[in-house]
């Protein structure tokens, strides 16, 4: 199981990579493996201000649909445009090409409340 040490994690299996006041968000390697083959991603929240734990989209696999939750409050600045044509990138590269959204955080210090890689590993 790939759990990069430089990221933060949620109990709902989202990851967040912080760069200044901007954050990139996706789902973890564990989440994509549990979902199976991802066939569609629906994120219609670009440009919206969302609270922490708000649903920012859904991910559809062959047998299920799961909500995607915001790890921190902020404005959804960008949705990964490549996922429309290649949703399986989330399966093959969840921490790289499979990122989902970039967010301008309302309060960057809120990241400190999220799980470290070690804490996320213990959760699993």
Protein backbone atom coordinates (compact mmCIF):
# COMPACT_ATOMS: atom_id res chain seq x y z
CA UNK A 1 0.00 0.00 0.00
CA UNK A 2 1.45 3.32 -1.09
CA UNK A 3 1.09 6.05 1.58
CA UNK A 4 3.43 8.97 0.76
CA UNK A 5 4.90 10.55 3.89
CA UNK A 6 4.68 14.12 2.52
CA UNK A 7 0.86 14.13 2.30
CA UNK A 8 -1.94 14.47 4.86
CA UNK A 9 -4.97 12.17 4.93
CA UNK A 10 -8.62 11.99 6.02
CA UNK A 11 -10.53 9.14 7.63
CA UNK A 12 -12.61 9.13 4.42
CA UNK A 13 -9.47 8.20 2.41
CA UNK A 14 -8.75 11.51 0.69
CA UNK A 15 -5.19 12.85 0.50
CA UNK A 16 -4.05 16.46 0.38
CA UNK A 17 -0.77 17.97 -0.85
CA UNK A 18 -0.19 21.54 0.35
CA UNK A 19 1.73 24.15 -1.66
CA UNK A 20 1.40 27.52 0.06
CA UNK A 21 -2.31 28.30 0.42
CA UNK A 22 -3.23 25.95 -2.43
CA UNK A 23 -3.89 22.25 -1.98
CA UNK A 24 -4.21 19.35 -4.40
CA UNK A 25 -6.71 16.67 -3.36
CA UNK A 26 -7.39 13.11 -4.47
CA UNK A 27 -8.26 9.68 -3.11
CA UNK A 28 -5.72 7.32 -1.59
CA UNK A 29 -4.23 4.17 -3.02
CA UNK A 30 -6.27 2.22 -0.46
CA UNK A 31 -9.52 3.92 -1.58
CA UNK A 32 -8.95 3.27 -5.27
CA UNK A 33 -8.09 -0.39 -4.60
CA UNK A 34 -11.27 -0.83 -2.52
CA UNK A 35 -13.41 0.80 -5.23
CA UNK A 36 -11.97 -1.26 -8.07
CA UNK A 37 -11.99 -0.09 -11.68
CA UNK A 38 -13.01 3.58 -11.76
CA UNK A 39 -15.16 4.37 -14.79
CA UNK A 40 -16.43 7.92 -14.17
CA UNK A 41 -15.68 10.95 -12.01
CA UNK A 42 -18.26 13.70 -11.52
CA UNK A 43 -16.97 16.93 -10.01
CA UNK A 44 -19.23 19.91 -10.63
CA UNK A 45 -17.94 22.19 -7.88
CA UNK A 46 -15.30 24.20 -9.74
CA UNK A 47 -15.41 27.82 -8.56
CA UNK A 48 -17.42 26.99 -5.44
CA UNK A 49 -16.50 27.74 -1.83
CA UNK A 50 -16.93 24.56 0.21
CA UNK A 51 -16.65 23.78 3.89
CA UNK A 52 -14.47 21.02 5.30
CA UNK A 53 -16.15 17.60 4.89
CA UNK A 54 -18.55 18.91 2.20
CA UNK A 55 -19.08 16.64 -0.80
CA UNK A 56 -17.12 18.00 -3.79
CA UNK A 57 -17.98 15.24 -6.26
CA UNK A 58 -18.45 11.53 -6.79
CA UNK A 59 -16.35 8.69 -8.11
CA UNK A 60 -18.06 5.82 -9.90
CA UNK A 61 -16.57 2.36 -10.07
CA UNK A 62 -18.02 -0.70 -11.78
CA UNK A 63 -20.07 -1.71 -8.72
CA UNK A 64 -20.48 1.45 -6.63
CA UNK A 65 -20.60 5.25 -6.47
CA UNK A 66 -18.81 7.06 -3.62
CA UNK A 67 -18.88 10.67 -2.49
CA UNK A 68 -15.67 12.72 -2.38
CA UNK A 69 -15.21 14.87 0.74
CA UNK A 70 -13.24 18.11 1.16
CA UNK A 71 -10.41 17.68 3.69
CA UNK A 72 -10.32 21.46 4.33
CA UNK A 73 -12.50 24.48 3.61
CA UNK A 74 -11.73 26.46 0.49
CA UNK A 75 -12.56 27.41 -3.07
CA UNK A 76 -12.30 24.74 -5.76
CA UNK A 77 -9.96 26.45 -8.23
CA UNK A 78 -9.36 23.63 -10.72
CA UNK A 79 -10.79 20.22 -11.54
CA UNK A 80 -8.39 17.75 -13.18
CA UNK A 81 -9.49 17.97 -16.85
CA UNK A 82 -7.78 14.69 -17.79
CA UNK A 83 -10.11 12.59 -15.62
CA UNK A 84 -13.04 13.06 -18.01
CA UNK A 85 -11.24 11.03 -20.67
CA UNK A 86 -9.14 8.86 -18.35
CA UNK A 87 -10.88 8.20 -14.99
CA UNK A 88 -8.73 5.06 -14.62
CA UNK A 89 -5.74 7.37 -13.93
CA UNK A 90 -7.04 7.38 -10.35
CA UNK A 91 -6.42 3.61 -10.25
CA UNK A 92 -3.01 3.68 -11.92
CA UNK A 93 -1.58 6.88 -10.37
CA UNK A 94 -3.75 8.12 -7.46
CA UNK A 95 -1.09 10.53 -6.12
CA UNK A 96 0.03 11.84 -9.53
CA UNK A 97 -2.09 11.94 -12.70
CA UNK A 98 -5.15 10.86 -10.69
CA UNK A 99 -5.46 14.05 -8.60
CA UNK A 100 -9.00 15.41 -8.53
CA UNK A 101 -9.12 19.09 -7.53
CA UNK A 102 -6.92 22.02 -6.60
CA UNK A 103 -8.30 24.22 -3.84
CA UNK A 104 -7.40 27.64 -2.46
CA UNK A 105 -7.68 26.97 1.28
CA UNK A 106 -9.60 29.31 3.58
CA UNK A 107 -7.36 28.38 6.51
CA UNK A 108 -4.12 26.55 5.60
CA UNK A 109 -3.50 25.71 9.27
CA UNK A 110 -6.54 23.36 9.15
CA UNK A 111 -4.25 20.83 7.44
CA UNK A 112 -2.52 20.30 10.78
CA UNK A 113 -5.68 18.56 12.08
CA UNK A 114 -5.54 15.92 9.32
CA UNK A 115 -3.84 12.53 9.63
CA UNK A 116 -0.13 12.08 9.01
CA UNK A 117 1.00 9.11 6.89
CA UNK A 118 1.74 7.16 10.08
CA UNK A 119 -1.69 7.92 11.54
CA UNK A 120 -3.40 6.98 8.28
CA UNK A 121 -1.45 3.70 8.15
CA UNK A 122 -2.61 2.93 11.70
CA UNK A 123 -6.23 3.69 10.67
CA UNK A 124 -6.03 1.09 7.92
